[in-house]
C-alpha atoms as a PDB file:
ATOM      1  CA  UNK A   1      66.444  58.919 119.346  1.00  0.00           C
ATOM      2  CA  UNK A   2      64.592  60.990 121.921  1.00  0.00           C
ATOM      3  CA  UNK A   3      62.071  63.385 120.514  1.00  0.00           C
ATOM      4  CA  UNK A   4      63.014  67.044 120.499  1.00  0.00           C
ATOM      5  CA  UNK A   5      66.767  66.505 120.395  1.00  0.00           C
ATOM      6  CA  UNK A   6      68.236  68.266 117.384  1.00  0.00           C
ATOM      7  CA  UNK A   7      71.108  66.586 115.571  1.00  0.00           C
ATOM      8  CA  UNK A   8      73.805  68.988 114.387  1.00  0.00           C
ATOM      9  CA  UNK A   9      74.539  68.794 110.685  1.00  0.00           C
ATOM     10  CA  UNK A  10      78.141  68.713 109.432  1.00  0.00           C
ATOM     11  CA  UNK A  11      77.937  72.235 108.007  1.00  0.00           C
ATOM     12  CA  UNK A  12      75.669  73.732 110.675  1.00  0.00           C
ATOM     13  CA  UNK A  13      77.837  76.279 112.509  1.00  0.00           C
ATOM     14  CA  UNK A  14      75.372  77.708 115.008  1.00  0.00           C
ATOM     15  CA  UNK A  15      78.140  79.054 117.220  1.00  0.00           C
ATOM     16  CA  UNK A  16      79.374  81.474 114.584  1.00  0.00           C
ATOM     17  CA  UNK A  17      78.121  84.547 112.774  1.00  0.00           C
ATOM     18  CA  UNK A  18      80.080  87.097 110.784  1.00  0.00           C
ATOM     19  CA  UNK A  19      80.851  90.263 112.741  1.00  0.00           C
ATOM     20  CA  UNK A  20      79.400  93.438 111.215  1.00  0.00           C
ATOM     21  CA  UNK A  21      81.750  95.462 108.984  1.00  0.00           C
ATOM     22  CA  UNK A  22      83.653  98.259 110.652  1.00  0.00           C
ATOM     23  CA  UNK A  23      82.344 101.785 109.988  1.00  0.00           C
ATOM     24  CA  UNK A  24      84.309 103.673 107.364  1.00  0.00           C
ATOM     25  CA  UNK A  25      84.919 106.587 109.734  1.00  0.00           C
ATOM     26  CA  UNK A  26      84.876 105.382 113.332  1.00  0.00           C
ATOM     27  CA  UNK A  27      85.647 108.662 115.093  1.00  0.00           C
ATOM     28  CA  UNK A  28      84.828 107.095 118.453  1.00  0.00           C
ATOM     29  CA  UNK A  29      88.123 105.155 118.251  1.00  0.00           C
ATOM     30  CA  UNK A  30      90.028 108.394 118.774  1.00  0.00           C
ATOM     31  CA  UNK A  31      88.614 108.689 122.289  1.00  0.00           C
ATOM     32  CA  UNK A  32      89.823 105.257 123.456  1.00  0.00           C
ATOM     33  CA  UNK A  33      93.186 104.449 125.045  1.00  0.00           C
ATOM     34  CA  UNK A  34      93.108 100.991 123.433  1.00  0.00           C
ATOM     35  CA  UNK A  35      93.395 102.675 120.023  1.00  0.00           C
ATOM     36  CA  UNK A  36      96.529 104.615 120.959  1.00  0.00           C
ATOM     37  CA  UNK A  37      97.948 101.528 122.651  1.00  0.00           C
ATOM     38  CA  UNK A  38      97.500  99.698 119.339  1.00  0.00           C
ATOM     39  CA  UNK A  39      99.354 102.484 117.505  1.00  0.00           C
ATOM     40  CA  UNK A  40     102.241 102.246 119.968  1.00  0.00           C
ATOM     41  CA  UNK A  41     102.347  98.462 119.526  1.00  0.00           C
ATOM     42  CA  UNK A  42     102.490  98.791 115.741  1.00  0.00           C
ATOM     43  CA  UNK A  43     105.266 101.377 115.974  1.00  0.00           C
ATOM     44  CA  UNK A  44     107.425  99.307 118.335  1.00  0.00           C
ATOM     45  CA  UNK A  45     106.886  96.099 116.359  1.00  0.00           C
ATOM     46  CA  UNK A  46     107.820  97.820 113.075  1.00  0.00           C
ATOM     47  CA  UNK A  47     110.869  99.367 114.730  1.00  0.00           C
ATOM     48  CA  UNK A  48     112.111  96.012 116.049  1.00  0.00           C
ATOM     49  CA  UNK A  49     111.342  94.232 112.782  1.00  0.00           C
ATOM     50  CA  UNK A  50     113.490  96.559 110.697  1.00  0.00           C
ATOM     51  CA  UNK A  51     116.268  96.917 113.226  1.00  0.00           C
ATOM     52  CA  UNK A  52     116.769  93.145 113.523  1.00  0.00           C
ATOM     53  CA  UNK A  53     116.264  92.586 109.796  1.00  0.00           C
ATOM     54  CA  UNK A  54     118.763  95.268 108.805  1.00  0.00           C
ATOM     55  CA  UNK A  55     121.325  94.010 111.300  1.00  0.00           C
ATOM     56  CA  UNK A  56     120.972  90.493 109.872  1.00  0.00           C
ATOM     57  CA  UNK A  57     121.578  91.746 106.333  1.00  0.00           C
ATOM     58  CA  UNK A  58     124.641  93.787 107.322  1.00  0.00           C
ATOM     59  CA  UNK A  59     125.994  90.949 109.434  1.00  0.00           C
ATOM     60  CA  UNK A  60     125.719  88.515 106.553  1.00  0.00           C
ATOM     61  CA  UNK A  61     127.488  90.807 104.104  1.00  0.00           C
ATOM     62  CA  UNK A  62     130.371  91.440 106.506  1.00  0.00           C
ATOM     63  CA  UNK A  63     130.970  87.707 106.995  1.00  0.00           C
ATOM     64  CA  UNK A  64     132.734  85.332 104.642  1.00  0.00           C
ATOM     65  CA  UNK A  65     130.891  82.645 102.714  1.00  0.00           C
ATOM     66  CA  UNK A  66     131.376  80.059 105.456  1.00  0.00           C
ATOM     67  CA  UNK A  67     130.359  82.204 108.422  1.00  0.00           C
ATOM     68  CA  UNK A  68     127.539  84.295 106.958  1.00  0.00           C
ATOM     69  CA  UNK A  69     123.911  83.358 107.493  1.00  0.00           C
ATOM     70  CA  UNK A  70     123.179  83.643 103.776  1.00  0.00           C
ATOM     71  CA  UNK A  71     119.839  83.740 101.970  1.00  0.00           C
ATOM     72  CA  UNK A  72     118.360  81.072 104.223  1.00  0.00           C
ATOM     73  CA  UNK A  73     119.390  82.832 107.424  1.00  0.00           C
ATOM     74  CA  UNK A  74     118.066  86.214 106.313  1.00  0.00           C
ATOM     75  CA  UNK A  75     114.763  84.605 105.322  1.00  0.00           C
ATOM     76  CA  UNK A  76     114.526  82.912 108.717  1.00  0.00           C
ATOM     77  CA  UNK A  77     115.291  86.230 110.425  1.00  0.00           C
ATOM     78  CA  UNK A  78     112.451  88.092 108.719  1.00  0.00           C
ATOM     79  CA  UNK A  79     110.010  85.189 109.029  1.00  0.00           C
ATOM     80  CA  UNK A  80     110.961  84.515 112.633  1.00  0.00           C
ATOM     81  CA  UNK A  81     110.621  88.155 113.637  1.00  0.00           C
ATOM     82  CA  UNK A  82     107.161  88.325 112.074  1.00  0.00           C
ATOM     83  CA  UNK A  83     106.166  85.192 113.998  1.00  0.00           C
ATOM     84  CA  UNK A  84     107.397  86.677 117.284  1.00  0.00           C
ATOM     85  CA  UNK A  85     105.998  90.166 116.745  1.00  0.00           C
ATOM     86  CA  UNK A  86     102.582  89.038 115.490  1.00  0.00           C
ATOM     87  CA  UNK A  87     102.361  86.711 118.491  1.00  0.00           C
ATOM     88  CA  UNK A  88     103.181  89.616 120.837  1.00  0.00           C
ATOM     89  CA  UNK A  89     100.913  92.245 119.286  1.00  0.00           C
ATOM     90  CA  UNK A  90      97.967  90.304 117.823  1.00  0.00           C
ATOM     91  CA  UNK A  91      95.831  90.852 120.920  1.00  0.00           C
ATOM     92  CA  UNK A  92      96.626  94.563 121.047  1.00  0.00           C
ATOM     93  CA  UNK A  93      96.684  95.865 117.480  1.00  0.00           C
ATOM     94  CA  UNK A  94      95.987  92.817 115.356  1.00  0.00           C
ATOM     95  CA  UNK A  95      99.691  92.437 114.609  1.00  0.00           C
ATOM     96  CA  UNK A  96      99.689  93.992 111.129  1.00  0.00           C
ATOM     97  CA  UNK A  97     103.256  95.423 111.066  1.00  0.00           C
ATOM     98  CA  UNK A  98     102.785  96.030 107.333  1.00  0.00           C
ATOM     99  CA  UNK A  99     100.771  98.661 105.426  1.00  0.00           C
ATOM    100  CA  UNK A 100      99.814  96.029 102.844  1.00  0.00           C
ATOM    101  CA  UNK A 101      98.218  93.856 105.520  1.00  0.00           C
ATOM    102  CA  UNK A 102      96.476  96.919 106.947  1.00  0.00           C
ATOM    103  CA  UNK A 103      95.231  97.852 103.464  1.00  0.00           C
ATOM    104  CA  UNK A 104      93.842  94.356 102.940  1.00  0.00           C
ATOM    105  CA  UNK A 105      92.081  94.420 106.297  1.00  0.00           C
ATOM    106  CA  UNK A 106      90.591  97.817 105.459  1.00  0.00           C
ATOM    107  CA  UNK A 107      89.268  96.604 102.095  1.00  0.00           C
ATOM    108  CA  UNK A 108      87.642  93.670 103.909  1.00  0.00           C
ATOM    109  CA  UNK A 109      86.022  96.204 106.296  1.00  0.00           C
ATOM    110  CA  UNK A 110      87.735  94.682 109.316  1.00  0.00           C
ATOM    111  CA  UNK A 111      89.189  98.036 110.377  1.00  0.00           C
ATOM    112  CA  UNK A 112      88.087 101.634 109.837  1.00  0.00           C
ATOM    113  CA  UNK A 113      89.745 104.117 107.491  1.00  0.00           C
ATOM    114  CA  UNK A 114      91.012 106.149 110.452  1.00  0.00           C
ATOM    115  CA  UNK A 115      92.707 103.124 111.999  1.00  0.00           C
ATOM    116  CA  UNK A 116      94.120 102.021 108.642  1.00  0.00           C
ATOM    117  CA  UNK A 117      95.697 105.399 107.865  1.00  0.00           C
ATOM    118  CA  UNK A 118      97.206 105.874 111.327  1.00  0.00           C
ATOM    119  CA  UNK A 119      98.490 102.284 111.385  1.00  0.00           C
ATOM    120  CA  UNK A 120     100.312 102.919 108.098  1.00  0.00           C
ATOM    121  CA  UNK A 121     101.815 106.146 109.411  1.00  0.00           C
ATOM    122  CA  UNK A 122     103.223 104.594 112.586  1.00  0.00           C
ATOM    123  CA  UNK A 123     104.406 101.493 110.713  1.00  0.00           C
ATOM    124  CA  UNK A 124     106.402 103.645 108.301  1.00  0.00           C
ATOM    125  CA  UNK A 125     107.787 105.805 111.093  1.00  0.00           C
ATOM    126  CA  UNK A 126     108.748 102.720 113.114  1.00  0.00           C
ATOM    127  CA  UNK A 127     110.582 101.180 110.172  1.00  0.00           C
ATOM    128  CA  UNK A 128     112.472 104.414 109.485  1.00  0.00           C
ATOM    129  CA  UNK A 129     113.573 104.574 113.118  1.00  0.00           C
ATOM    130  CA  UNK A 130     114.590 100.909 113.107  1.00  0.00           C
ATOM    131  CA  UNK A 131     116.809 101.282 110.059  1.00  0.00           C
ATOM    132  CA  UNK A 132     118.152 104.570 111.412  1.00  0.00           C
ATOM    133  CA  UNK A 133     119.265 102.889 114.642  1.00  0.00           C
ATOM    134  CA  UNK A 134     120.939 100.072 112.697  1.00  0.00           C
ATOM    135  CA  UNK A 135     122.836 102.648 110.650  1.00  0.00           C
ATOM    136  CA  UNK A 136     123.767 104.591 113.779  1.00  0.00           C
ATOM    137  CA  UNK A 137     125.588 101.562 115.182  1.00  0.00           C
ATOM    138  CA  UNK A 138     127.552 100.781 112.008  1.00  0.00           C
ATOM    139  CA  UNK A 139     127.305 103.701 109.593  1.00  0.00           C
ATOM    140  CA  UNK A 140     130.234 102.760 107.352  1.00  0.00           C
ATOM    141  CA  UNK A 141     129.050  99.176 106.887  1.00  0.00           C
ATOM    142  CA  UNK A 142     125.470 100.321 106.344  1.00  0.00           C
ATOM    143  CA  UNK A 143     126.537 102.693 103.575  1.00  0.00           C
ATOM    144  CA  UNK A 144     128.897 100.140 102.049  1.00  0.00           C
ATOM    145  CA  UNK A 145     126.384  97.297 101.833  1.00  0.00           C
ATOM    146  CA  UNK A 146     123.199  99.229 101.109  1.00  0.00           C
ATOM    147  CA  UNK A 147     121.469  98.769 104.435  1.00  0.00           C
ATOM    148  CA  UNK A 148     118.966  96.275 103.060  1.00  0.00           C
ATOM    149  CA  UNK A 149     117.411  98.777 100.648  1.00  0.00           C
ATOM    150  CA  UNK A 150     115.153  97.166  98.044  1.00  0.00           C
ATOM    151  CA  UNK A 151     116.607  97.344  94.542  1.00  0.00           C
ATOM    152  CA  UNK A 152     115.910  95.385  91.367  1.00  0.00           C
ATOM    153  CA  UNK A 153     118.833  92.980  90.987  1.00  0.00           C
ATOM    154  CA  UNK A 154     120.925  92.903  87.809  1.00  0.00           C
ATOM    155  CA  UNK A 155     119.418  90.533  85.269  1.00  0.00           C
ATOM    156  CA  UNK A 156     115.832  91.261  86.319  1.00  0.00           C
ATOM    157  CA  UNK A 157     113.450  93.857  84.922  1.00  0.00           C
ATOM    158  CA  UNK A 158     111.191  96.163  86.889  1.00  0.00           C
ATOM    159  CA  UNK A 159     108.221  94.202  85.566  1.00  0.00           C
ATOM    160  CA  UNK A 160     109.588  90.968  87.026  1.00  0.00           C
ATOM    161  CA  UNK A 161     110.189  92.678  90.372  1.00  0.00           C
ATOM    162  CA  UNK A 162     106.666  94.130  90.332  1.00  0.00           C
ATOM    163  CA  UNK A 163     105.209  90.702  89.646  1.00  0.00           C
ATOM    164  CA  UNK A 164     107.278  89.190  92.455  1.00  0.00           C
ATOM    165  CA  UNK A 165     105.984  91.825  94.864  1.00  0.00           C
ATOM    166  CA  UNK A 166     102.363  91.276  93.832  1.00  0.00           C
ATOM    167  CA  UNK A 167     102.514  87.499  94.169  1.00  0.00           C
ATOM    168  CA  UNK A 168     104.623  87.569  97.329  1.00  0.00           C
ATOM    169  CA  UNK A 169     102.254  89.973  99.058  1.00  0.00           C
ATOM    170  CA  UNK A 170      99.267  87.950  97.890  1.00  0.00           C
ATOM    171  CA  UNK A 171     100.737  84.893  99.620  1.00  0.00           C
ATOM    172  CA  UNK A 172     101.299  86.852 102.827  1.00  0.00           C
ATOM    173  CA  UNK A 173      97.924  88.606 103.011  1.00  0.00           C
ATOM    174  CA  UNK A 174      96.027  85.484 101.953  1.00  0.00           C
ATOM    175  CA  UNK A 175      97.748  83.627 104.793  1.00  0.00           C
ATOM    176  CA  UNK A 176      96.832  86.387 107.246  1.00  0.00           C
ATOM    177  CA  UNK A 177      93.156  86.217 106.245  1.00  0.00           C
ATOM    178  CA  UNK A 178      93.077  82.432 106.424  1.00  0.00           C
ATOM    179  CA  UNK A 179      94.929  82.154 109.735  1.00  0.00           C
ATOM    180  CA  UNK A 180      92.755  84.758 111.459  1.00  0.00           C
ATOM    181  CA  UNK A 181      89.382  83.838 109.939  1.00  0.00           C
ATOM    182  CA  UNK A 182      86.924  83.542 112.873  1.00  0.00           C
ATOM    183  CA  UNK A 183      84.643  81.260 110.838  1.00  0.00           C
ATOM    184  CA  UNK A 184      87.503  78.824 110.362  1.00  0.00           C
ATOM    185  CA  UNK A 185      88.269  78.964 114.082  1.00  0.00           C
ATOM    186  CA  UNK A 186      84.652  78.137 114.889  1.00  0.00           C
ATOM    187  CA  UNK A 187      84.505  75.328 112.339  1.00  0.00           C
ATOM    188  CA  UNK A 188      87.877  73.779 113.122  1.00  0.00           C
ATOM    189  CA  UNK A 189      88.038  74.456 116.853  1.00  0.00           C
ATOM    190  CA  UNK A 190      89.301  70.903 117.351  1.00  0.00           C
ATOM    191  CA  UNK A 191      92.394  71.777 115.299  1.00  0.00           C
ATOM    192  CA  UNK A 192      94.585  74.236 117.239  1.00  0.00           C
ATOM    193  CA  UNK A 193      96.127  76.832 114.916  1.00  0.00           C
ATOM    194  CA  UNK A 194      98.621  79.373 116.180  1.00  0.00           C
ATOM    195  CA  UNK A 195      97.996  82.172 113.683  1.00  0.00           C
ATOM    196  CA  UNK A 196     101.464  83.801 113.875  1.00  0.00           C
ATOM    197  CA  UNK A 197     103.115  80.531 112.821  1.00  0.00           C
ATOM    198  CA  UNK A 198     101.731  80.249 109.258  1.00  0.00           C
ATOM    199  CA  UNK A 199     102.130  84.005 108.821  1.00  0.00           C
ATOM    200  CA  UNK A 200     105.807  83.792 109.781  1.00  0.00           C
ATOM    201  CA  UNK A 201     106.315  80.825 107.454  1.00  0.00           C
ATOM    202  CA  UNK A 202     104.676  82.753 104.603  1.00  0.00           C
ATOM    203  CA  UNK A 203     107.153  85.609 105.094  1.00  0.00           C
ATOM    204  CA  UNK A 204     110.017  83.095 105.256  1.00  0.00           C
ATOM    205  CA  UNK A 205     108.989  81.320 102.051  1.00  0.00           C
ATOM    206  CA  UNK A 206     108.441  84.537 100.094  1.00  0.00           C
ATOM    207  CA  UNK A 207     111.856  85.855 101.151  1.00  0.00           C
ATOM    208  CA  UNK A 208     113.529  82.650  99.971  1.00  0.00           C
ATOM    209  CA  UNK A 209     111.903  83.051  96.563  1.00  0.00           C
ATOM    210  CA  UNK A 210     112.269  86.793  95.983  1.00  0.00           C
ATOM    211  CA  UNK A 211     115.398  88.041  97.770  1.00  0.00           C
ATOM    212  CA  UNK A 212     117.467  87.311  94.629  1.00  0.00           C
ATOM    213  CA  UNK A 213     115.058  89.434  92.549  1.00  0.00           C
ATOM    214  CA  UNK A 214     114.641  92.641  94.560  1.00  0.00           C
ATOM    215  CA  UNK A 215     115.657  91.978  98.144  1.00  0.00           C
ATOM    216  CA  UNK A 216     112.000  91.223  99.008  1.00  0.00           C
ATOM    217  CA  UNK A 217     109.702  94.059  99.927  1.00  0.00           C
ATOM    218  CA  UNK A 218     106.112  92.813 100.431  1.00  0.00           C
ATOM    219  CA  UNK A 219     105.966  95.518 103.097  1.00  0.00           C
ATOM    220  CA  UNK A 220     105.928  99.153 101.918  1.00  0.00           C
ATOM    221  CA  UNK A 221     107.002 100.419 105.351  1.00  0.00           C
ATOM    222  CA  UNK A 222     110.040  98.111 105.326  1.00  0.00           C
ATOM    223  CA  UNK A 223     111.017  99.403 101.862  1.00  0.00           C
ATOM    224  CA  UNK A 224     110.385 103.032 102.827  1.00  0.00           C
ATOM    225  CA  UNK A 225     112.467 102.774 106.002  1.00  0.00           C
ATOM    226  CA  UNK A 226     115.523 101.519 104.120  1.00  0.00           C
ATOM    227  CA  UNK A 227     114.986 104.006 101.265  1.00  0.00           C
ATOM    228  CA  UNK A 228     114.764 107.023 103.560  1.00  0.00           C
ATOM    229  CA  UNK A 229     117.924 106.151 105.476  1.00  0.00           C
ATOM    230  CA  UNK A 230     120.003 104.845 102.547  1.00  0.00           C
ATOM    231  CA  UNK A 231     118.675 107.628 100.267  1.00  0.00           C
ATOM    232  CA  UNK A 232     120.150 107.115  96.803  1.00  0.00           C
ATOM    233  CA  UNK A 233     118.687 108.051  93.426  1.00  0.00           C
ATOM    234  CA  UNK A 234     118.426 104.446  92.237  1.00  0.00           C
ATOM    235  CA  UNK A 235     116.507 103.425  95.357  1.00  0.00           C
ATOM    236  CA  UNK A 236     113.946 106.190  94.849  1.00  0.00           C
ATOM    237  CA  UNK A 237     113.637 105.526  91.099  1.00  0.00           C
ATOM    238  CA  UNK A 238     112.528 101.958  91.820  1.00  0.00           C
ATOM    239  CA  UNK A 239     110.688 102.635  95.075  1.00  0.00           C
ATOM    240  CA  UNK A 240     107.244 102.757  93.452  1.00  0.00           C
ATOM    241  CA  UNK A 241     107.490  99.005  92.805  1.00  0.00           C
ATOM    242  CA  UNK A 242     107.476  98.339  96.540  1.00  0.00           C
ATOM    243  CA  UNK A 243     104.233 100.244  97.083  1.00  0.00           C
ATOM    244  CA  UNK A 244     102.257  99.356  93.959  1.00  0.00           C
ATOM    245  CA  UNK A 245     103.149  95.650  94.086  1.00  0.00           C
ATOM    246  CA  UNK A 246     102.218  95.049  97.747  1.00  0.00           C
ATOM    247  CA  UNK A 247      99.006  97.071  97.536  1.00  0.00           C
ATOM    248  CA  UNK A 248      97.846  95.247  94.390  1.00  0.00           C
ATOM    249  CA  UNK A 249      98.740  91.896  95.964  1.00  0.00           C
ATOM    250  CA  UNK A 250      96.919  92.773  99.189  1.00  0.00           C
ATOM    251  CA  UNK A 251      93.801  93.940  97.342  1.00  0.00           C
ATOM    252  CA  UNK A 252      93.746  90.751  95.262  1.00  0.00           C
ATOM    253  CA  UNK A 253      94.132  88.563  98.367  1.00  0.00           C
ATOM    254  CA  UNK A 254      91.350  90.430 100.184  1.00  0.00           C
ATOM    255  CA  UNK A 255      88.996  90.014  97.226  1.00  0.00           C
ATOM    256  CA  UNK A 256      89.886  86.333  96.786  1.00  0.00           C
ATOM    257  CA  UNK A 257      89.348  85.473 100.431  1.00  0.00           C
ATOM    258  CA  UNK A 258      86.251  87.553 101.082  1.00  0.00           C
ATOM    259  CA  UNK A 259      84.354  87.096  97.819  1.00  0.00           C
ATOM    260  CA  UNK A 260      85.560  83.735  96.508  1.00  0.00           C
ATOM    261  CA  UNK A 261      86.486  81.581  99.500  1.00  0.00           C
ATOM    262  CA  UNK A 262      84.039  83.224 101.903  1.00  0.00           C
ATOM    263  CA  UNK A 263      81.425  83.586  99.126  1.00  0.00           C
ATOM    264  CA  UNK A 264      80.788  87.240  99.926  1.00  0.00           C
ATOM    265  CA  UNK A 265      79.466  87.885  96.427  1.00  0.00           C
ATOM    266  CA  UNK A 266      77.066  84.945  96.692  1.00  0.00           C
ATOM    267  CA  UNK A 267      75.796  86.198 100.038  1.00  0.00           C
ATOM    268  CA  UNK A 268      75.205  89.636  98.573  1.00  0.00           C
ATOM    269  CA  UNK A 269      73.078  88.207  95.733  1.00  0.00           C
ATOM    270  CA  UNK A 270      71.381  85.570  97.863  1.00  0.00           C
ATOM    271  CA  UNK A 271      73.179  82.376  98.789  1.00  0.00           C
ATOM    272  CA  UNK A 272      73.380  79.738  96.086  1.00  0.00           C
ATOM    273  CA  UNK A 273      72.766  77.146  98.790  1.00  0.00           C
ATOM    274  CA  UNK A 274      69.113  78.125  98.876  1.00  0.00           C
ATOM    275  CA  UNK A 275      68.774  76.818  95.314  1.00  0.00           C
ATOM    276  CA  UNK A 276      68.744  73.009  95.265  1.00  0.00           C
ATOM    277  CA  UNK A 277      69.834  73.015  91.613  1.00  0.00           C
ATOM    278  CA  UNK A 278      73.235  74.572  92.475  1.00  0.00           C
END
């Protein structure tokens, strides 16, 4: 071997370094058009997500057993829309379309507090408008079939629904972190990964598992949009589940990915790799 030529080691990723954490208050963002463009993208994506999702739910309930899309079709609708919308908006806003995802990204210091708060506001507003448009087209059917509002199903307790929301959101946010991890992209550049695809499949799988329990939230803006437009006492009495569950699940996923899988805690204390006995 010629002298002076360095041989790359299997775990030597010289083409990658972690980006610095985002400032907590990045006021400079407010002066950039790209920031407001991202807010618009999050609003439109949330609007389309809830409009299509609500229409799918109403359409299924108005069809007979043979012609309706059923649990599988509704799950594909929500998962497919997330795939499409994340693909369309990832390069503009990051493609969050969910306050729980935004919360997880904020805890991981990937976005500032200002961006996180405003993302959540426009996501909620977009979902409310999306459900409102769906109701405007078919008000009687919307009122008759609940408009996709999240409610704990008969036979299940609020504790079971809360657990389903925590675990379901953990699956989603964990998938988002893994699919968008720049270190993984640098390490596995020979393996093409289209990030929206696993994210959409995560939403699909979680819907299949939890629609029978509570209609599947895992997105506080989605639950809020249906609650505001449907607006019944039972919906509001159980609405806290669809905020607490997703936020706990998102926080757990962020901690697991950043401090366990990415060894953030080890880096903070001094990498264990420097100790040959580890």
